[in-house]
Amino acid sequence: MTGRRLPLEGITVVDLGQIYNGPYATFLMAQAGARVIKIEPPGGENMRRRGAVGGAMLPFAMLNSNKEFITLNLKHEKGRDILRQLVVKGDVLLENFAPGVMDRLGLGPTDLKQLNPRLIYAAGSGFGWSGPYRDYPAMDLTVQAMSGVMACTGFPDRPPVKAGPALCDFFGGVHLFGAVMAALYERSVTGEGRFVEVAMLEAVYASLSSNLGLYHGSGGQAPPRTGNRHGGMAESPYNVYPTSDGYIALICVSETHWDALVDAMGRPELKGDPRYSNLKARVARMDEIDALVGDWTAGFTKQALFELLMRHRVPCAPVRELPEVVNDPHLHARGAPPRLDHPILGPVVLPTGPLRFEDAPPRPLRPSQELGADTAAVLESLLGLDAAAVAQLRQEGAV
């Protein structure tokens, strides 16, 4: 271990993110070493307020580790003035309000870059800052519906289904992180900041590649939902198959995989069967293939079958339930979701994020804190305000 610095050490991020999209982008920045100052309204951001219902506050805790927490009332002129002062000291401001909100407050990219020409102003939104959909209300569900994700999810004889995870929010957050990194690199060369934005609708589009292949291949006809089969109906076997205690996902994308599967099945004669001799033939007989494989997999537990198929190098995985994922030994061996005592939630498993940097272990987690826990410390360290000045701002309702 050489004790190298994390890549973003020395970078200060002013984080106005809310719910998933923005907070995930800034969480990745925090895990890469940035100082992230999370700004919430005096009542707290929406995700924190969900904490009144069961474990609904866990997502807030997952996305807000290693941040400093302050409150600012951006409806108050002194609150807006403090934000401007923070921007002068900062490197990145990130927000995912509806387009136009920050401009109406006098805090848009043009306003803030006049104060700090080196500022990277990053904005996440559902549909972008331009175009006819600009002002549509955007949540993960609505973007899934507009993007085609729902139309591609589920089975052909049933209604469209949303993807279980909030993939549009998180795809948007990952791309926003990437846009900020590109802008920071440019600034290191030119010295100039830049406005960057990411629309969730566009961030998720490339993930439809298999489904779009089927759409274009059919001459522009809307393809049916394919359930657990390949989105482009171009692979077989490719499905989720029953076992005696659950399910296993299995895919063969090459003749080597098919040969290994039939060896594992004890059916070597299938290698020479002209009905299944190549991928095109197997796709043409997809129902037969699925029945053949499913009848065989049903005789195993999912773990025993997984171990057998791993010995034969067949791409597959048991379909695991969330308790299995939370307690996954591989993830814990990599330190990915450490167990800790959260000051509000008690014992939980929180992510460290997927970024890994040579010669630097994942940043130890400081759990998310109570609303405004760091307001005085941040305003003192960055702006030089003393306790009396912060108390006055609180009395006036600015923080």
Protein backbone atom coordinates (compact mmCIF):
# COMPACT_ATOMS: atom_id res chain seq x y z
CA MET A 1 0.00 0.00 0.00
CA THR A 2 1.50 3.32 -1.05
CA GLY A 3 -1.12 5.56 0.53
CA ARG A 4 -1.98 7.29 -2.72
CA ARG A 5 -4.61 10.01 -2.61
CA LEU A 6 -8.04 9.33 -3.99
CA PRO A 7 -8.51 10.97 -7.42
CA LEU A 8 -10.91 13.72 -6.34
CA GLU A 9 -9.24 14.76 -3.11
CA GLY A 10 -9.10 18.55 -3.08
CA ILE A 11 -12.34 18.89 -5.08
CA THR A 12 -15.31 20.50 -3.31
CA VAL A 13 -18.81 19.65 -4.50
CA VAL A 14 -21.88 21.69 -3.60
CA ASP A 15 -24.61 19.06 -3.69
CA LEU A 16 -28.21 20.14 -4.24
CA GLY A 17 -29.20 16.66 -5.39
CA GLN A 18 -32.43 15.03 -4.29
CA ILE A 19 -33.98 11.55 -4.29
CA TYR A 20 -31.72 9.18 -6.33
CA ASN A 21 -30.38 10.81 -9.49
CA GLY A 22 -28.28 13.66 -8.13
CA PRO A 23 -27.33 12.09 -4.78
CA TYR A 24 -25.92 8.99 -6.48
CA ALA A 25 -23.69 11.08 -8.75
CA THR A 26 -22.35 13.02 -5.77
CA PHE A 27 -21.99 9.84 -3.69
CA LEU A 28 -19.66 8.51 -6.38
CA MET A 29 -17.71 11.77 -6.18
CA ALA A 30 -17.47 11.44 -2.40
CA GLN A 31 -16.20 7.88 -2.74
CA ALA A 32 -13.59 9.14 -5.20
CA GLY A 33 -12.33 11.53 -2.52
CA ALA A 34 -14.27 14.75 -3.07
CA ARG A 35 -15.55 16.89 -0.23
CA VAL A 36 -19.30 16.85 -0.79
CA ILE A 37 -21.45 19.42 1.00
CA LYS A 38 -25.07 18.32 0.85
CA ILE A 39 -27.49 21.22 1.01
CA GLU A 40 -31.07 20.55 2.09
CA PRO A 41 -34.01 22.87 2.70
CA PRO A 42 -34.79 23.46 6.39
CA GLY A 43 -37.36 20.65 6.33
CA GLY A 44 -34.97 18.18 4.70
CA GLU A 45 -35.02 16.73 1.20
CA ASN A 46 -37.89 14.47 0.15
CA MET A 47 -35.99 11.23 0.59
CA ARG A 48 -35.11 12.05 4.19
CA ARG A 49 -38.76 12.82 4.94
CA ARG A 50 -39.77 9.38 3.74
CA GLY A 51 -38.08 8.00 6.85
CA ALA A 52 -41.37 8.16 8.72
CA VAL A 53 -42.47 4.98 6.90
CA GLY A 54 -40.68 1.75 7.81
CA GLY A 55 -37.27 1.42 6.16
CA ALA A 56 -37.97 4.05 3.53
CA MET A 57 -35.09 6.21 4.77
CA LEU A 58 -32.53 3.51 3.97
CA PRO A 59 -32.08 4.77 0.37
CA PHE A 60 -31.20 8.20 1.79
CA ALA A 61 -28.56 6.58 3.97
CA MET A 62 -27.24 4.52 1.04
CA LEU A 63 -26.67 7.54 -1.19
CA ASN A 64 -25.45 10.10 1.32
CA SER A 65 -22.52 8.58 3.16
CA ASN A 66 -19.33 10.66 3.36
CA LYS A 67 -21.13 13.95 2.87
CA GLU A 68 -21.39 17.01 5.10
CA PHE A 69 -24.95 18.13 5.85
CA ILE A 70 -26.09 21.73 5.93
CA THR A 71 -29.45 23.42 5.56
CA LEU A 72 -30.07 26.49 3.39
CA ASN A 73 -33.33 28.24 2.68
CA LEU A 74 -32.97 29.19 -0.98
CA LYS A 75 -36.22 31.14 -0.77
CA HIS A 76 -34.44 33.54 1.57
CA GLU A 77 -32.03 36.07 0.07
CA LYS A 78 -29.41 35.39 2.72
CA GLY A 79 -29.72 31.66 2.04
CA ARG A 80 -29.12 32.28 -1.65
CA ASP A 81 -26.18 34.53 -0.79
CA ILE A 82 -24.57 31.77 1.27
CA LEU A 83 -24.95 29.39 -1.67
CA ARG A 84 -23.21 31.91 -3.90
CA GLN A 85 -20.34 32.15 -1.40
CA LEU A 86 -20.04 28.35 -1.31
CA VAL A 87 -19.95 28.25 -5.11
CA VAL A 88 -17.05 30.72 -5.13
CA LYS A 89 -15.14 28.28 -2.89
CA GLY A 90 -16.28 25.16 -4.74
CA ASP A 91 -15.43 23.25 -7.89
CA VAL A 92 -18.73 21.56 -8.77
CA LEU A 93 -22.37 22.41 -8.18
CA LEU A 94 -24.80 19.61 -8.93
CA GLU A 95 -28.59 19.74 -8.91
CA ASN A 96 -31.46 17.75 -10.31
CA PHE A 97 -34.36 20.14 -9.88
CA ALA A 98 -36.78 20.64 -12.74
CA PRO A 99 -35.21 22.74 -15.50
CA GLY A 100 -35.63 26.43 -14.80
CA VAL A 101 -35.92 26.24 -11.00
CA MET A 102 -32.39 27.49 -10.34
CA ASP A 103 -32.66 30.19 -13.00
CA ARG A 104 -35.78 31.56 -11.33
CA LEU A 105 -33.81 31.80 -8.07
CA GLY A 106 -31.00 33.70 -9.78
CA LEU A 107 -28.76 30.67 -9.24
CA GLY A 108 -28.62 29.17 -12.73
CA PRO A 109 -25.42 28.25 -14.55
CA THR A 110 -24.96 31.66 -16.15
CA ASP A 111 -25.36 33.43 -12.80
CA LEU A 112 -23.03 31.14 -10.87
CA LYS A 113 -20.33 30.86 -13.50
CA GLN A 114 -20.02 34.65 -13.44
CA LEU A 115 -19.04 34.28 -9.78
CA ASN A 116 -16.70 31.34 -10.41
CA PRO A 117 -15.59 30.83 -14.04
CA ARG A 118 -13.94 27.53 -13.03
CA LEU A 119 -17.23 26.10 -11.76
CA ILE A 120 -18.60 22.87 -13.21
CA TYR A 121 -22.38 23.29 -13.06
CA ALA A 122 -24.02 19.88 -13.47
CA ALA A 123 -27.76 19.35 -13.94
CA GLY A 124 -29.68 16.10 -14.08
CA SER A 125 -33.27 15.98 -15.30
CA GLY A 126 -35.77 13.60 -16.80
CA PHE A 127 -35.92 14.96 -20.32
CA GLY A 128 -33.19 17.60 -20.56
CA TRP A 129 -33.01 21.39 -20.53
CA SER A 130 -34.31 21.70 -24.10
CA GLY A 131 -36.84 20.01 -26.35
CA PRO A 132 -40.62 19.66 -26.24
CA TYR A 133 -40.60 17.39 -23.17
CA ARG A 134 -38.44 19.75 -21.12
CA ASP A 135 -41.12 20.65 -18.58
CA TYR A 136 -42.79 17.25 -18.22
CA PRO A 137 -42.76 15.99 -14.62
CA ALA A 138 -40.01 13.38 -14.46
CA MET A 139 -39.75 10.49 -12.04
CA ASP A 140 -38.11 7.14 -12.63
CA LEU A 141 -41.52 5.59 -13.36
CA THR A 142 -42.50 8.21 -15.92
CA VAL A 143 -39.14 8.01 -17.68
CA GLN A 144 -39.38 4.21 -17.77
CA ALA A 145 -42.75 4.66 -19.48
CA MET A 146 -41.53 7.31 -21.96
CA SER A 147 -38.23 5.59 -22.77
CA GLY A 148 -39.60 2.21 -23.86
CA VAL A 149 -38.27 0.38 -20.81
CA MET A 150 -41.77 -0.55 -19.64
CA ALA A 151 -42.86 -1.61 -23.13
CA CYS A 152 -39.91 -4.04 -23.21
CA THR A 153 -40.42 -5.43 -19.70
CA GLY A 154 -42.79 -8.26 -18.87
CA PHE A 155 -44.45 -10.98 -20.92
CA PRO A 156 -46.18 -10.59 -24.30
CA ASP A 157 -49.62 -11.61 -23.02
CA ARG A 158 -49.57 -9.25 -20.05
CA PRO A 159 -49.47 -5.48 -19.48
CA PRO A 160 -46.16 -3.59 -19.52
CA VAL A 161 -44.20 -3.77 -16.27
CA LYS A 162 -41.73 -1.33 -14.78
CA ALA A 163 -38.23 -2.59 -14.07
CA GLY A 164 -37.93 -3.31 -10.36
CA PRO A 165 -34.88 -1.10 -9.71
CA ALA A 166 -34.99 2.66 -10.33
CA LEU A 167 -32.75 2.23 -13.33
CA CYS A 168 -33.51 5.55 -15.07
CA ASP A 169 -32.60 7.54 -11.98
CA PHE A 170 -29.36 5.62 -11.50
CA PHE A 171 -28.39 5.51 -15.18
CA GLY A 172 -28.87 9.28 -15.16
CA GLY A 173 -26.74 9.62 -12.02
CA VAL A 174 -23.89 7.52 -13.43
CA HIS A 175 -23.85 9.52 -16.67
CA LEU A 176 -23.96 12.78 -14.73
CA PHE A 177 -20.93 11.64 -12.74
CA GLY A 178 -19.17 10.90 -16.03
CA ALA A 179 -20.06 14.30 -17.46
CA VAL A 180 -18.61 16.03 -14.39
CA MET A 181 -15.41 13.98 -14.63
CA ALA A 182 -14.99 14.94 -18.30
CA ALA A 183 -15.55 18.61 -17.45
CA LEU A 184 -13.06 18.49 -14.58
CA TYR A 185 -10.46 17.01 -16.92
CA GLU A 186 -11.13 19.78 -19.45
CA ARG A 187 -10.78 22.36 -16.69
CA SER A 188 -7.41 20.91 -15.71
CA VAL A 189 -6.24 21.67 -19.26
CA THR A 190 -8.02 24.96 -20.02
CA GLY A 191 -8.77 26.38 -16.57
CA GLU A 192 -12.39 26.95 -17.60
CA GLY A 193 -15.55 25.53 -16.10
CA ARG A 194 -18.53 24.30 -18.04
CA PHE A 195 -22.26 23.60 -17.77
CA VAL A 196 -23.07 19.91 -18.25
CA GLU A 197 -26.46 18.22 -18.21
CA VAL A 198 -27.79 14.69 -18.50
CA ALA A 199 -31.35 13.64 -19.35
CA MET A 200 -32.49 10.34 -17.87
CA LEU A 201 -34.41 9.61 -21.10
CA GLU A 202 -31.19 9.71 -23.10
CA ALA A 203 -29.10 7.94 -20.46
CA VAL A 204 -31.27 4.83 -20.62
CA TYR A 205 -31.72 4.67 -24.42
CA ALA A 206 -28.59 2.64 -25.20
CA SER A 207 -29.66 -0.08 -22.78
CA LEU A 208 -32.50 -0.91 -25.19
CA SER A 209 -29.97 -2.12 -27.77
CA SER A 210 -31.21 -5.72 -28.04
CA ASN A 211 -34.84 -4.63 -28.22
CA LEU A 212 -34.00 -1.99 -30.80
CA GLY A 213 -32.21 -4.64 -32.83
CA LEU A 214 -35.45 -6.62 -32.97
CA TYR A 215 -37.39 -3.46 -33.87
CA HIS A 216 -35.11 -2.58 -36.78
CA GLY A 217 -34.78 -6.21 -37.85
CA SER A 218 -38.56 -6.52 -38.14
CA GLY A 219 -38.81 -3.50 -40.41
CA GLY A 220 -39.97 -1.09 -37.75
CA GLN A 221 -42.68 -3.15 -36.08
CA ALA A 222 -43.08 -2.76 -32.32
CA PRO A 223 -41.61 -6.01 -30.93
CA PRO A 224 -43.48 -7.97 -28.28
CA ARG A 225 -42.28 -8.12 -24.71
CA THR A 226 -39.97 -11.08 -24.36
CA GLY A 227 -40.24 -11.93 -20.65
CA ASN A 228 -36.94 -13.42 -19.52
CA ARG A 229 -35.87 -14.23 -23.05
CA HIS A 230 -33.31 -12.18 -24.97
CA GLY A 231 -34.66 -8.72 -25.79
CA GLY A 232 -33.80 -9.23 -29.46
CA MET A 233 -34.94 -12.88 -29.50
CA ALA A 234 -31.48 -13.66 -30.87
CA GLU A 235 -30.15 -16.13 -28.29
CA SER A 236 -31.28 -19.60 -27.23
CA PRO A 237 -31.13 -20.95 -24.62
CA TYR A 238 -31.54 -17.62 -22.84
CA ASN A 239 -34.09 -17.66 -20.06
CA VAL A 240 -34.84 -18.19 -16.40
CA TYR A 241 -35.42 -21.88 -15.72
CA PRO A 242 -37.07 -23.63 -12.74
CA THR A 243 -35.20 -25.57 -10.11
CA SER A 244 -36.58 -27.52 -7.17
CA ASP A 245 -36.11 -24.53 -4.84
CA GLY A 246 -36.16 -21.48 -7.10
CA TYR A 247 -34.81 -20.43 -10.48
CA ILE A 248 -31.59 -20.20 -12.41
CA ALA A 249 -30.72 -17.80 -15.23
CA LEU A 250 -28.86 -19.45 -18.09
CA ILE A 251 -27.48 -18.21 -21.40
CA CYS A 252 -25.50 -19.78 -24.25
CA VAL A 253 -24.05 -17.28 -26.71
CA SER A 254 -21.64 -19.59 -28.51
CA GLU A 255 -21.39 -23.16 -29.75
CA THR A 256 -18.85 -23.78 -26.99
CA HIS A 257 -21.45 -22.85 -24.40
CA TRP A 258 -24.09 -25.07 -26.01
CA ASP A 259 -21.72 -28.02 -26.18
CA ALA A 260 -20.78 -27.50 -22.52
CA LEU A 261 -24.45 -27.35 -21.53
CA VAL A 262 -25.42 -30.58 -23.25
CA ASP A 263 -22.37 -32.28 -21.71
CA ALA A 264 -23.57 -31.11 -18.27
CA MET A 265 -27.01 -32.46 -19.13
CA GLY A 266 -25.53 -35.83 -20.06
CA ARG A 267 -26.96 -35.44 -23.58
CA PRO A 268 -23.90 -35.45 -25.86
CA GLU A 269 -26.05 -36.69 -28.75
CA LEU A 270 -27.64 -33.23 -28.96
CA LYS A 271 -24.37 -31.83 -30.32
CA GLY A 272 -24.98 -33.60 -33.60
CA ASP A 273 -28.74 -33.10 -33.73
CA PRO A 274 -29.45 -31.01 -36.88
CA ARG A 275 -32.43 -29.37 -35.15
CA TYR A 276 -30.05 -27.66 -32.70
CA SER A 277 -26.82 -27.62 -34.69
CA ASN A 278 -26.26 -23.85 -34.56
CA LEU A 279 -27.60 -20.71 -32.95
CA LYS A 280 -29.98 -19.91 -35.80
CA ALA A 281 -31.52 -23.36 -35.57
CA ARG A 282 -31.89 -23.14 -31.81
CA VAL A 283 -33.52 -19.71 -31.99
CA ALA A 284 -36.01 -21.10 -34.52
CA ARG A 285 -36.90 -23.80 -31.97
CA MET A 286 -36.77 -21.61 -28.88
CA ASP A 287 -39.84 -23.17 -27.25
CA GLU A 288 -38.38 -26.66 -27.69
CA ILE A 289 -35.03 -25.56 -26.26
CA ASP A 290 -36.65 -23.92 -23.26
CA ALA A 291 -38.75 -27.01 -22.54
CA LEU A 292 -35.72 -29.29 -22.94
CA VAL A 293 -33.56 -27.23 -20.60
CA GLY A 294 -36.35 -26.47 -18.11
CA ASP A 295 -37.32 -30.13 -17.71
CA TRP A 296 -33.70 -30.89 -16.85
CA THR A 297 -33.07 -27.97 -14.48
CA ALA A 298 -36.20 -28.77 -12.44
CA GLY A 299 -34.45 -31.82 -11.02
CA PHE A 300 -31.80 -29.83 -9.15
CA THR A 301 -31.60 -27.31 -6.38
CA LYS A 302 -30.41 -23.99 -7.74
CA GLN A 303 -27.10 -24.16 -5.86
CA ALA A 304 -26.30 -27.72 -6.91
CA LEU A 305 -27.16 -26.89 -10.52
CA PHE A 306 -25.08 -23.73 -10.40
CA GLU A 307 -22.05 -25.65 -9.16
CA LEU A 308 -22.49 -28.30 -11.88
CA LEU A 309 -22.79 -25.71 -14.63
CA MET A 310 -19.81 -23.78 -13.29
CA ARG A 311 -17.69 -26.94 -13.61
CA HIS A 312 -18.71 -27.05 -17.26
CA ARG A 313 -18.18 -23.28 -17.72
CA VAL A 314 -21.77 -22.59 -18.73
CA PRO A 315 -22.79 -18.94 -18.15
CA CYS A 316 -25.50 -19.01 -15.49
CA ALA A 317 -26.44 -17.69 -12.08
CA PRO A 318 -28.96 -18.61 -9.40
CA VAL A 319 -31.79 -16.10 -9.10
CA ARG A 320 -31.20 -14.83 -5.59
CA GLU A 321 -33.54 -13.15 -3.17
CA LEU A 322 -32.60 -9.85 -1.52
CA PRO A 323 -31.52 -11.45 1.81
CA GLU A 324 -29.00 -13.51 -0.16
CA VAL A 325 -27.69 -10.42 -1.93
CA VAL A 326 -27.40 -8.34 1.24
CA ASN A 327 -25.38 -11.14 2.85
CA ASP A 328 -23.38 -12.08 -0.25
CA PRO A 329 -19.91 -13.32 0.82
CA HIS A 330 -18.24 -12.09 -2.38
CA LEU A 331 -19.49 -8.52 -1.94
CA HIS A 332 -18.49 -8.52 1.72
CA ALA A 333 -15.05 -9.95 0.91
CA ARG A 334 -14.50 -6.92 -1.34
CA GLY A 335 -15.76 -4.58 1.36
CA ALA A 336 -18.53 -3.40 -0.95
CA PRO A 337 -21.49 -3.25 1.45
CA PRO A 338 -20.01 -2.89 4.98
CA ARG A 339 -22.14 -3.52 8.01
CA LEU A 340 -22.27 -0.60 10.39
CA ASP A 341 -24.38 1.05 13.04
CA HIS A 342 -26.12 4.01 11.49
CA PRO A 343 -26.77 6.82 13.98
CA ILE A 344 -30.42 6.99 12.95
CA LEU A 345 -31.27 3.58 11.47
CA GLY A 346 -29.19 1.25 13.63
CA PRO A 347 -27.46 -1.84 12.13
CA VAL A 348 -27.56 -1.66 8.31
CA VAL A 349 -25.56 -2.72 5.26
CA LEU A 350 -24.57 0.29 3.14
CA PRO A 351 -22.72 0.41 -0.21
CA THR A 352 -19.24 1.83 -0.68
CA GLY A 353 -19.88 2.18 -4.42
CA PRO A 354 -18.36 0.24 -7.32
CA LEU A 355 -15.33 2.50 -7.92
CA ARG A 356 -11.95 0.98 -7.07
CA PHE A 357 -8.66 2.87 -7.26
CA GLU A 358 -5.21 1.30 -7.24
CA ASP A 359 -3.38 1.54 -3.91
CA ALA A 360 -6.36 3.15 -2.19
CA PRO A 361 -8.98 1.12 -0.30
CA PRO A 362 -12.63 2.15 -0.52
CA ARG A 363 -13.16 5.30 1.51
CA PRO A 364 -14.37 4.44 5.03
CA LEU A 365 -18.02 5.33 5.39
CA ARG A 366 -19.19 8.20 7.54
CA PRO A 367 -22.93 7.48 7.66
CA SER A 368 -25.46 10.13 6.67
CA GLN A 369 -26.15 12.48 9.57
CA GLU A 370 -29.09 14.30 11.08
CA LEU A 371 -30.53 17.19 9.09
CA GLY A 372 -28.15 20.16 9.19
CA ALA A 373 -25.64 18.40 11.43
CA ASP A 374 -22.63 20.09 9.83
CA THR A 375 -24.09 23.53 9.07
CA ALA A 376 -22.02 25.45 11.61
CA ALA A 377 -18.79 23.55 10.88
CA VAL A 378 -19.06 23.99 7.10
CA LEU A 379 -19.94 27.67 7.23
CA GLU A 380 -17.06 28.26 9.62
CA SER A 381 -14.47 26.28 7.65
CA LEU A 382 -15.40 27.55 4.18
CA LEU A 383 -16.88 31.00 4.80
CA GLY A 384 -15.29 31.98 8.12
CA LEU A 385 -18.60 32.53 9.90
CA ASP A 386 -18.51 32.26 13.69
CA ALA A 387 -21.10 30.65 15.92
CA ALA A 388 -22.91 33.93 16.52
CA ALA A 389 -23.27 34.59 12.80
CA VAL A 390 -24.65 31.10 12.18
CA ALA A 391 -27.07 31.50 15.08
CA GLN A 392 -28.27 34.78 13.57
CA LEU A 393 -28.83 33.13 10.21
CA ARG A 394 -30.84 30.40 11.89
CA GLN A 395 -32.96 32.97 13.71
CA GLU A 396 -33.67 34.74 10.40
CA GLY A 397 -34.65 31.48 8.71
CA ALA A 398 -31.83 31.56 6.17
CA VAL A 399 -30.32 28.22 7.27
